[in-house]
Amino acid sequence: MFEKQIGKSILEVSHKCIEHPHESIYFNHIHNHCEILLFISGDANYNIDGQVFSPSPYDMLFIPAATYHYLIPTSGARYENYVIGISPDAVGEEHYRKLFAPPLMISIKDDAEIKSFFKRLDVYEKAYSSEDFEQCAVALIRELLTYCSYRKSDLSSGRSKYVTYIEEMVKYISERITDDLDAENIAHHFLLSKSYVQNIFSQEMHIGLKKYIMQKKIYSAHSDIVNGMRPIDACEKYNFGDYSSFYRLYKKTFGFPPSAIR
């Protein structure tokens, strides 16, 4: 088993095993990079922006950037997985669209070629120095990403365990992320009470609705700033209201002010 921090495009790669997983050690989180997770064994569900997946051995999950997600152990059974963290620019735009578009879970149990990529990671980690492992792992993972982008549509897809209001709310927020969103107008859209919307969202997503909306907005604004937009324009685009509030949230989230990007 191993956990390695690698570089700027391929950020990290790990093969982990937890003997007695418990929900208390996992938490709902969001980050700017994408993840590919290969489930090996255990009893667990994954919540990816409101969709709950129940993987079987050798199911692969594709977690897009800036997406809230977390693991929900359903028993104390031994849990094993591989995780690859990648920057969105690690592969070309066309491959990225294929990899991180639905379905977000596929089965590779009958695909010996994809399995071999992960087996080689284990072999390289044991046989090579840290520097040589990193070089080989980056090349291997890039090849894996390209291969998966061609194979993904041919592999059997996993389906969400259930469809809830949460999925529809997440979709609604994503499609209107530049609007002035809050619990009240979301509740009005779904013909539900404000308190009910807040309660079920917090219960299912493990994060308050207001915080979720603000985090999605700030990550979207960050992406625009990285691509050349002025911070003041990003603040206005995503309806933050005043620049001082936007500035404080941005610095709190990323650890540096938006002007640092320029």
C-alpha atoms as a PDB file:
ATOM      1  CA  MET A   1       0.000   0.000   0.000  1.00  0.00           C
ATOM      2  CA  PHE A   2       1.241   3.517  -0.690  1.00  0.00           C
ATOM      3  CA  GLU A   3       0.331   7.205  -0.922  1.00  0.00           C
ATOM      4  CA  LYS A   4       2.420   9.530  -3.087  1.00  0.00           C
ATOM      5  CA  GLN A   5       2.279  13.251  -3.804  1.00  0.00           C
ATOM      6  CA  ILE A   6       3.640  13.656  -7.331  1.00  0.00           C
ATOM      7  CA  GLY A   7       3.415  16.909  -9.287  1.00  0.00           C
ATOM      8  CA  LYS A   8       1.309  19.629 -10.872  1.00  0.00           C
ATOM      9  CA  SER A   9      -0.712  17.641 -13.420  1.00  0.00           C
ATOM     10  CA  ILE A  10      -0.830  14.226 -11.784  1.00  0.00           C
ATOM     11  CA  LEU A  11      -1.164  15.405  -8.205  1.00  0.00           C
ATOM     12  CA  GLU A  12      -1.332  12.219  -6.190  1.00  0.00           C
ATOM     13  CA  VAL A  13      -1.754   8.481  -6.410  1.00  0.00           C
ATOM     14  CA  SER A  14      -2.523   6.031  -3.625  1.00  0.00           C
ATOM     15  CA  HIS A  15      -3.424   2.424  -2.894  1.00  0.00           C
ATOM     16  CA  LYS A  16      -4.990   2.264   0.559  1.00  0.00           C
ATOM     17  CA  CYS A  17      -6.572  -0.321   2.788  1.00  0.00           C
ATOM     18  CA  ILE A  18      -8.522   0.511   5.959  1.00  0.00           C
ATOM     19  CA  GLU A  19      -9.318  -2.431   8.196  1.00  0.00           C
ATOM     20  CA  HIS A  20     -12.209  -0.926  10.151  1.00  0.00           C
ATOM     21  CA  PRO A  21     -13.608   2.100   8.293  1.00  0.00           C
ATOM     22  CA  HIS A  22     -16.017   4.350  10.144  1.00  0.00           C
ATOM     23  CA  GLU A  23     -18.044   7.275   8.834  1.00  0.00           C
ATOM     24  CA  SER A  24     -16.521   9.618  11.426  1.00  0.00           C
ATOM     25  CA  ILE A  25     -13.128   9.573   9.659  1.00  0.00           C
ATOM     26  CA  TYR A  26     -14.559  10.705   6.314  1.00  0.00           C
ATOM     27  CA  PHE A  27     -15.965  14.112   5.496  1.00  0.00           C
ATOM     28  CA  ASN A  28     -17.683  15.970   2.693  1.00  0.00           C
ATOM     29  CA  HIS A  29     -15.066  17.927   0.739  1.00  0.00           C
ATOM     30  CA  ILE A  30     -14.422  19.822  -2.467  1.00  0.00           C
ATOM     31  CA  HIS A  31     -11.216  20.626  -4.328  1.00  0.00           C
ATOM     32  CA  ASN A  32      -9.990  22.044  -7.623  1.00  0.00           C
ATOM     33  CA  HIS A  33      -8.643  18.776  -8.985  1.00  0.00           C
ATOM     34  CA  CYS A  34     -10.443  15.713 -10.349  1.00  0.00           C
ATOM     35  CA  GLU A  35     -10.255  12.228  -8.907  1.00  0.00           C
ATOM     36  CA  ILE A  36     -10.472   8.744 -10.319  1.00  0.00           C
ATOM     37  CA  LEU A  37     -11.252   6.154  -7.672  1.00  0.00           C
ATOM     38  CA  LEU A  38     -11.060   2.401  -8.209  1.00  0.00           C
ATOM     39  CA  PHE A  39     -13.085   0.510  -5.613  1.00  0.00           C
ATOM     40  CA  ILE A  40     -11.535  -2.855  -4.722  1.00  0.00           C
ATOM     41  CA  SER A  41     -13.421  -4.138  -1.681  1.00  0.00           C
ATOM     42  CA  GLY A  42     -15.581  -3.134   1.272  1.00  0.00           C
ATOM     43  CA  ASP A  43     -19.101  -1.933   1.977  1.00  0.00           C
ATOM     44  CA  ALA A  44     -19.554   1.716   1.131  1.00  0.00           C
ATOM     45  CA  ASN A  45     -21.564   4.288  -0.770  1.00  0.00           C
ATOM     46  CA  TYR A  46     -20.227   7.408  -2.468  1.00  0.00           C
ATOM     47  CA  ASN A  47     -22.113  10.688  -2.594  1.00  0.00           C
ATOM     48  CA  ILE A  48     -21.006  12.752  -5.597  1.00  0.00           C
ATOM     49  CA  ASP A  49     -22.860  16.065  -5.627  1.00  0.00           C
ATOM     50  CA  GLY A  50     -26.085  14.452  -4.457  1.00  0.00           C
ATOM     51  CA  GLN A  51     -25.873  11.226  -6.437  1.00  0.00           C
ATOM     52  CA  VAL A  52     -25.321   8.162  -4.270  1.00  0.00           C
ATOM     53  CA  PHE A  53     -23.430   5.245  -5.809  1.00  0.00           C
ATOM     54  CA  SER A  54     -23.060   1.757  -4.347  1.00  0.00           C
ATOM     55  CA  PRO A  55     -19.945   0.294  -5.995  1.00  0.00           C
ATOM     56  CA  SER A  56     -19.081  -3.340  -6.511  1.00  0.00           C
ATOM     57  CA  PRO A  57     -15.482  -4.609  -6.701  1.00  0.00           C
ATOM     58  CA  TYR A  58     -13.628  -3.047  -9.660  1.00  0.00           C
ATOM     59  CA  ASP A  59     -16.092  -0.231 -10.167  1.00  0.00           C
ATOM     60  CA  MET A  60     -14.344   3.000 -11.134  1.00  0.00           C
ATOM     61  CA  LEU A  61     -15.714   6.393 -10.108  1.00  0.00           C
ATOM     62  CA  PHE A  62     -14.953   9.658 -11.912  1.00  0.00           C
ATOM     63  CA  ILE A  63     -15.214  12.703  -9.625  1.00  0.00           C
ATOM     64  CA  PRO A  64     -15.108  16.054 -11.477  1.00  0.00           C
ATOM     65  CA  ALA A  65     -13.293  19.091 -10.106  1.00  0.00           C
ATOM     66  CA  ALA A  66     -15.145  21.442  -7.733  1.00  0.00           C
ATOM     67  CA  THR A  67     -17.630  18.713  -6.845  1.00  0.00           C
ATOM     68  CA  TYR A  68     -18.666  17.899  -3.292  1.00  0.00           C
ATOM     69  CA  HIS A  69     -18.166  14.229  -2.504  1.00  0.00           C
ATOM     70  CA  TYR A  70     -17.662  11.871   0.367  1.00  0.00           C
ATOM     71  CA  LEU A  71     -17.494   8.213   1.350  1.00  0.00           C
ATOM     72  CA  ILE A  72     -20.183   6.581   3.492  1.00  0.00           C
ATOM     73  CA  PRO A  73     -19.012   3.254   5.000  1.00  0.00           C
ATOM     74  CA  THR A  74     -21.993   0.940   5.467  1.00  0.00           C
ATOM     75  CA  SER A  75     -20.182  -1.641   7.592  1.00  0.00           C
ATOM     76  CA  GLY A  76     -16.852  -2.202   9.299  1.00  0.00           C
ATOM     77  CA  ALA A  77     -15.649  -4.483   6.516  1.00  0.00           C
ATOM     78  CA  ARG A  78     -12.097  -4.010   5.212  1.00  0.00           C
ATOM     79  CA  TYR A  79     -12.096  -1.148   2.688  1.00  0.00           C
ATOM     80  CA  GLU A  80      -9.582  -0.936  -0.174  1.00  0.00           C
ATOM     81  CA  ASN A  81      -9.236   1.460  -3.092  1.00  0.00           C
ATOM     82  CA  TYR A  82      -6.914   3.273  -5.464  1.00  0.00           C
ATOM     83  CA  VAL A  83      -7.209   7.054  -5.868  1.00  0.00           C
ATOM     84  CA  ILE A  84      -5.624   9.172  -8.597  1.00  0.00           C
ATOM     85  CA  GLY A  85      -5.829  12.956  -8.265  1.00  0.00           C
ATOM     86  CA  ILE A  86      -5.345  14.886 -11.495  1.00  0.00           C
ATOM     87  CA  SER A  87      -5.432  18.488 -12.622  1.00  0.00           C
ATOM     88  CA  PRO A  88      -8.142  19.184 -15.236  1.00  0.00           C
ATOM     89  CA  ASP A  89      -5.381  20.014 -17.720  1.00  0.00           C
ATOM     90  CA  ALA A  90      -3.658  16.641 -17.254  1.00  0.00           C
ATOM     91  CA  VAL A  91      -5.340  15.391 -20.411  1.00  0.00           C
ATOM     92  CA  GLY A  92      -6.660  17.199 -23.455  1.00  0.00           C
ATOM     93  CA  GLU A  93     -10.059  18.865 -23.358  1.00  0.00           C
ATOM     94  CA  GLU A  94     -11.696  16.136 -25.467  1.00  0.00           C
ATOM     95  CA  HIS A  95     -10.469  13.331 -23.204  1.00  0.00           C
ATOM     96  CA  TYR A  96     -11.442  15.321 -20.115  1.00  0.00           C
ATOM     97  CA  ARG A  97     -15.028  15.723 -21.361  1.00  0.00           C
ATOM     98  CA  LYS A  98     -15.312  11.993 -21.972  1.00  0.00           C
ATOM     99  CA  LEU A  99     -13.817  10.994 -18.647  1.00  0.00           C
ATOM    100  CA  PHE A 100     -15.816  13.253 -16.351  1.00  0.00           C
ATOM    101  CA  ALA A 101     -19.170  13.287 -18.120  1.00  0.00           C
ATOM    102  CA  PRO A 102     -21.884  10.856 -16.942  1.00  0.00           C
ATOM    103  CA  PRO A 103     -21.874   8.024 -16.158  1.00  0.00           C
ATOM    104  CA  LEU A 104     -19.699   8.767 -13.149  1.00  0.00           C
ATOM    105  CA  MET A 105     -19.287   5.080 -12.316  1.00  0.00           C
ATOM    106  CA  ILE A 106     -18.307   2.212 -14.628  1.00  0.00           C
ATOM    107  CA  SER A 107     -17.309  -1.396 -14.097  1.00  0.00           C
ATOM    108  CA  ILE A 108     -13.852  -2.572 -15.191  1.00  0.00           C
ATOM    109  CA  LYS A 109     -14.099  -6.078 -13.720  1.00  0.00           C
ATOM    110  CA  ASP A 110     -13.894  -7.602 -17.216  1.00  0.00           C
ATOM    111  CA  ASP A 111     -11.291  -5.190 -18.569  1.00  0.00           C
ATOM    112  CA  ALA A 112      -7.875  -6.766 -17.922  1.00  0.00           C
ATOM    113  CA  GLU A 113      -6.061  -3.875 -19.618  1.00  0.00           C
ATOM    114  CA  ILE A 114      -7.324  -1.215 -17.201  1.00  0.00           C
ATOM    115  CA  LYS A 115      -6.659  -3.506 -14.245  1.00  0.00           C
ATOM    116  CA  SER A 116      -3.079  -3.947 -15.434  1.00  0.00           C
ATOM    117  CA  PHE A 117      -2.406  -0.198 -15.110  1.00  0.00           C
ATOM    118  CA  PHE A 118      -3.155  -0.349 -11.389  1.00  0.00           C
ATOM    119  CA  LYS A 119      -1.175  -3.555 -10.877  1.00  0.00           C
ATOM    120  CA  ARG A 120       1.836  -1.904 -12.492  1.00  0.00           C
ATOM    121  CA  LEU A 121       1.571   1.017 -10.062  1.00  0.00           C
ATOM    122  CA  ASP A 122       2.027  -1.472  -7.201  1.00  0.00           C
ATOM    123  CA  VAL A 123       4.979  -3.135  -8.939  1.00  0.00           C
ATOM    124  CA  TYR A 124       6.698   0.178  -9.705  1.00  0.00           C
ATOM    125  CA  GLU A 125       6.182   1.500  -6.162  1.00  0.00           C
ATOM    126  CA  LYS A 126       7.916  -1.539  -4.675  1.00  0.00           C
ATOM    127  CA  ALA A 127      10.708  -1.823  -7.225  1.00  0.00           C
ATOM    128  CA  TYR A 128      11.735   1.776  -7.953  1.00  0.00           C
ATOM    129  CA  SER A 129      13.144   4.723  -6.052  1.00  0.00           C
ATOM    130  CA  SER A 130      10.702   7.536  -5.237  1.00  0.00           C
ATOM    131  CA  GLU A 131      12.005   9.684  -8.104  1.00  0.00           C
ATOM    132  CA  ASP A 132      11.813   6.867 -10.657  1.00  0.00           C
ATOM    133  CA  PHE A 133       8.362   5.835  -9.408  1.00  0.00           C
ATOM    134  CA  GLU A 134       7.047   9.360  -9.887  1.00  0.00           C
ATOM    135  CA  GLN A 135       8.328   9.552 -13.466  1.00  0.00           C
ATOM    136  CA  CYS A 136       6.917   6.144 -14.372  1.00  0.00           C
ATOM    137  CA  ALA A 137       3.621   6.779 -12.555  1.00  0.00           C
ATOM    138  CA  VAL A 138       3.013  10.048 -14.418  1.00  0.00           C
ATOM    139  CA  ALA A 139       3.549   8.351 -17.796  1.00  0.00           C
ATOM    140  CA  LEU A 140       1.432   5.355 -16.795  1.00  0.00           C
ATOM    141  CA  ILE A 141      -1.445   7.464 -15.477  1.00  0.00           C
ATOM    142  CA  ARG A 142      -1.504   9.651 -18.581  1.00  0.00           C
ATOM    143  CA  GLU A 143      -1.770   6.490 -20.682  1.00  0.00           C
ATOM    144  CA  LEU A 144      -4.515   5.174 -18.394  1.00  0.00           C
ATOM    145  CA  LEU A 145      -6.531   8.394 -18.749  1.00  0.00           C
ATOM    146  CA  THR A 146      -6.295   8.314 -22.529  1.00  0.00           C
ATOM    147  CA  TYR A 147      -7.219   4.629 -22.647  1.00  0.00           C
ATOM    148  CA  CYS A 148     -10.213   5.132 -20.344  1.00  0.00           C
ATOM    149  CA  SER A 149     -11.507   8.044 -22.424  1.00  0.00           C
ATOM    150  CA  TYR A 150     -11.750   5.696 -25.413  1.00  0.00           C
ATOM    151  CA  ARG A 151     -13.142   2.752 -23.447  1.00  0.00           C
ATOM    152  CA  LYS A 152     -15.544   4.462 -21.065  1.00  0.00           C
ATOM    153  CA  SER A 153     -18.600   4.489 -23.320  1.00  0.00           C
ATOM    154  CA  ASP A 154     -18.188   0.757 -24.009  1.00  0.00           C
ATOM    155  CA  LEU A 155     -18.057  -0.305 -20.371  1.00  0.00           C
ATOM    156  CA  SER A 156     -21.141  -1.057 -18.302  1.00  0.00           C
ATOM    157  CA  SER A 157     -22.146   1.928 -16.244  1.00  0.00           C
ATOM    158  CA  GLY A 158     -23.117   2.012 -12.621  1.00  0.00           C
ATOM    159  CA  ARG A 159     -26.395   3.666 -11.739  1.00  0.00           C
ATOM    160  CA  SER A 160     -27.271   5.958  -8.923  1.00  0.00           C
ATOM    161  CA  LYS A 161     -28.728   4.097  -5.958  1.00  0.00           C
ATOM    162  CA  TYR A 162     -31.667   6.462  -5.817  1.00  0.00           C
ATOM    163  CA  VAL A 163     -32.879   9.746  -7.261  1.00  0.00           C
ATOM    164  CA  THR A 164     -33.764  12.394  -4.716  1.00  0.00           C
ATOM    165  CA  TYR A 165     -34.600  16.040  -4.566  1.00  0.00           C
ATOM    166  CA  ILE A 166     -30.910  16.588  -3.845  1.00  0.00           C
ATOM    167  CA  GLU A 167     -29.861  15.633  -7.374  1.00  0.00           C
ATOM    168  CA  GLU A 168     -32.382  18.060  -8.822  1.00  0.00           C
ATOM    169  CA  MET A 169     -31.292  20.815  -6.444  1.00  0.00           C
ATOM    170  CA  VAL A 170     -27.627  20.296  -7.301  1.00  0.00           C
ATOM    171  CA  LYS A 171     -28.480  20.427 -11.001  1.00  0.00           C
ATOM    172  CA  TYR A 172     -30.579  23.564 -10.475  1.00  0.00           C
ATOM    173  CA  ILE A 173     -27.731  25.285  -8.602  1.00  0.00           C
ATOM    174  CA  SER A 174     -25.159  24.282 -11.218  1.00  0.00           C
ATOM    175  CA  GLU A 175     -27.265  25.615 -14.101  1.00  0.00           C
ATOM    176  CA  ARG A 176     -27.910  28.933 -12.299  1.00  0.00           C
ATOM    177  CA  ILE A 177     -24.617  29.374 -10.475  1.00  0.00           C
ATOM    178  CA  THR A 178     -24.349  33.007 -11.625  1.00  0.00           C
ATOM    179  CA  ASP A 179     -27.784  33.847 -10.147  1.00  0.00           C
ATOM    180  CA  ASP A 180     -28.472  35.196  -6.665  1.00  0.00           C
ATOM    181  CA  LEU A 181     -29.282  31.787  -5.191  1.00  0.00           C
ATOM    182  CA  ASP A 182     -30.549  31.013  -1.703  1.00  0.00           C
ATOM    183  CA  ALA A 183     -32.718  28.485   0.124  1.00  0.00           C
ATOM    184  CA  GLU A 184     -35.844  30.574  -0.363  1.00  0.00           C
ATOM    185  CA  ASN A 185     -35.795  30.761  -4.171  1.00  0.00           C
ATOM    186  CA  ILE A 186     -34.721  27.113  -4.445  1.00  0.00           C
ATOM    187  CA  ALA A 187     -37.606  26.081  -2.177  1.00  0.00           C
ATOM    188  CA  HIS A 188     -39.980  28.183  -4.276  1.00  0.00           C
ATOM    189  CA  HIS A 189     -38.798  26.498  -7.478  1.00  0.00           C
ATOM    190  CA  PHE A 190     -39.379  22.995  -6.073  1.00  0.00           C
ATOM    191  CA  LEU A 191     -42.619  23.951  -4.299  1.00  0.00           C
ATOM    192  CA  LEU A 192     -41.157  22.961  -0.936  1.00  0.00           C
ATOM    193  CA  SER A 193     -40.727  24.779   2.347  1.00  0.00           C
ATOM    194  CA  LYS A 194     -37.471  26.615   2.988  1.00  0.00           C
ATOM    195  CA  SER A 195     -36.787  24.663   6.195  1.00  0.00           C
ATOM    196  CA  TYR A 196     -37.402  21.330   4.456  1.00  0.00           C
ATOM    197  CA  VAL A 197     -34.978  22.209   1.647  1.00  0.00           C
ATOM    198  CA  GLN A 198     -32.295  23.269   4.132  1.00  0.00           C
ATOM    199  CA  ASN A 199     -32.764  20.193   6.314  1.00  0.00           C
ATOM    200  CA  ILE A 200     -32.709  17.515   3.604  1.00  0.00           C
ATOM    201  CA  PHE A 201     -29.793  19.172   1.818  1.00  0.00           C
ATOM    202  CA  SER A 202     -27.714  19.319   4.988  1.00  0.00           C
ATOM    203  CA  GLN A 203     -28.655  15.752   5.911  1.00  0.00           C
ATOM    204  CA  GLU A 204     -27.814  14.219   2.523  1.00  0.00           C
ATOM    205  CA  MET A 205     -24.861  16.408   1.513  1.00  0.00           C
ATOM    206  CA  HIS A 206     -23.257  16.875   4.951  1.00  0.00           C
ATOM    207  CA  ILE A 207     -22.919  20.595   4.264  1.00  0.00           C
ATOM    208  CA  GLY A 208     -25.285  23.516   4.670  1.00  0.00           C
ATOM    209  CA  LEU A 209     -27.046  24.725   1.518  1.00  0.00           C
ATOM    210  CA  LYS A 210     -25.749  28.300   1.847  1.00  0.00           C
ATOM    211  CA  LYS A 211     -22.143  27.148   2.280  1.00  0.00           C
ATOM    212  CA  TYR A 212     -22.487  24.732  -0.654  1.00  0.00           C
ATOM    213  CA  ILE A 213     -23.726  27.509  -2.961  1.00  0.00           C
ATOM    214  CA  MET A 214     -20.960  29.895  -1.910  1.00  0.00           C
ATOM    215  CA  GLN A 215     -18.271  27.252  -2.373  1.00  0.00           C
ATOM    216  CA  LYS A 216     -19.542  26.360  -5.841  1.00  0.00           C
ATOM    217  CA  LYS A 217     -19.571  30.049  -6.752  1.00  0.00           C
ATOM    218  CA  ILE A 218     -16.058  30.741  -5.449  1.00  0.00           C
ATOM    219  CA  TYR A 219     -14.572  27.757  -7.277  1.00  0.00           C
ATOM    220  CA  SER A 220     -16.325  28.831 -10.491  1.00  0.00           C
ATOM    221  CA  ALA A 221     -15.015  32.381 -10.021  1.00  0.00           C
ATOM    222  CA  HIS A 222     -11.513  31.048  -9.377  1.00  0.00           C
ATOM    223  CA  SER A 223     -11.610  29.099 -12.638  1.00  0.00           C
ATOM    224  CA  ASP A 224     -12.607  32.254 -14.541  1.00  0.00           C
ATOM    225  CA  ILE A 225      -9.857  34.304 -12.879  1.00  0.00           C
ATOM    226  CA  VAL A 226      -7.257  31.670 -13.746  1.00  0.00           C
ATOM    227  CA  ASN A 227      -8.463  31.930 -17.348  1.00  0.00           C
ATOM    228  CA  GLY A 228      -7.947  35.700 -17.421  1.00  0.00           C
ATOM    229  CA  MET A 229     -11.092  37.315 -16.010  1.00  0.00           C
ATOM    230  CA  ARG A 230     -10.593  40.293 -13.702  1.00  0.00           C
ATOM    231  CA  PRO A 231     -11.495  39.484 -10.060  1.00  0.00           C
ATOM    232  CA  ILE A 232     -13.961  42.374  -9.914  1.00  0.00           C
ATOM    233  CA  ASP A 233     -15.748  40.989 -12.980  1.00  0.00           C
ATOM    234  CA  ALA A 234     -15.840  37.464 -11.509  1.00  0.00           C
ATOM    235  CA  CYS A 235     -17.325  38.922  -8.321  1.00  0.00           C
ATOM    236  CA  GLU A 236     -20.072  40.593 -10.339  1.00  0.00           C
ATOM    237  CA  LYS A 237     -20.664  37.579 -12.602  1.00  0.00           C
ATOM    238  CA  TYR A 238     -21.354  35.230  -9.689  1.00  0.00           C
ATOM    239  CA  ASN A 239     -23.481  37.696  -7.725  1.00  0.00           C
ATOM    240  CA  PHE A 240     -21.331  38.010  -4.619  1.00  0.00           C
ATOM    241  CA  GLY A 241     -22.802  41.418  -3.890  1.00  0.00           C
ATOM    242  CA  ASP A 242     -19.760  43.365  -2.732  1.00  0.00           C
ATOM    243  CA  TYR A 243     -16.097  42.844  -3.544  1.00  0.00           C
ATOM    244  CA  SER A 244     -14.898  42.856   0.069  1.00  0.00           C
ATOM    245  CA  SER A 245     -17.042  39.783   0.871  1.00  0.00           C
ATOM    246  CA  PHE A 246     -15.833  38.070  -2.298  1.00  0.00           C
ATOM    247  CA  TYR A 247     -12.215  38.924  -1.458  1.00  0.00           C
ATOM    248  CA  ARG A 248     -12.465  37.517   2.092  1.00  0.00           C
ATOM    249  CA  LEU A 249     -14.110  34.271   0.956  1.00  0.00           C
ATOM    250  CA  TYR A 250     -11.610  33.831  -1.875  1.00  0.00           C
ATOM    251  CA  LYS A 251      -8.619  34.316   0.436  1.00  0.00           C
ATOM    252  CA  LYS A 252     -10.141  32.035   3.089  1.00  0.00           C
ATOM    253  CA  THR A 253     -10.784  29.308   0.499  1.00  0.00           C
ATOM    254  CA  PHE A 254      -7.508  29.375  -1.424  1.00  0.00           C
ATOM    255  CA  GLY A 255      -5.074  30.935   1.034  1.00  0.00           C
ATOM    256  CA  PHE A 256      -4.156  33.873  -1.216  1.00  0.00           C
ATOM    257  CA  PRO A 257      -5.987  36.900  -2.675  1.00  0.00           C
ATOM    258  CA  PRO A 258      -7.497  36.816  -6.197  1.00  0.00           C
ATOM    259  CA  SER A 259      -4.909  39.354  -7.360  1.00  0.00           C
ATOM    260  CA  ALA A 260      -2.180  36.742  -6.806  1.00  0.00           C
ATOM    261  CA  ILE A 261      -3.384  34.857  -9.886  1.00  0.00           C
ATOM    262  CA  ARG A 262      -2.507  37.797 -12.102  1.00  0.00           C
END
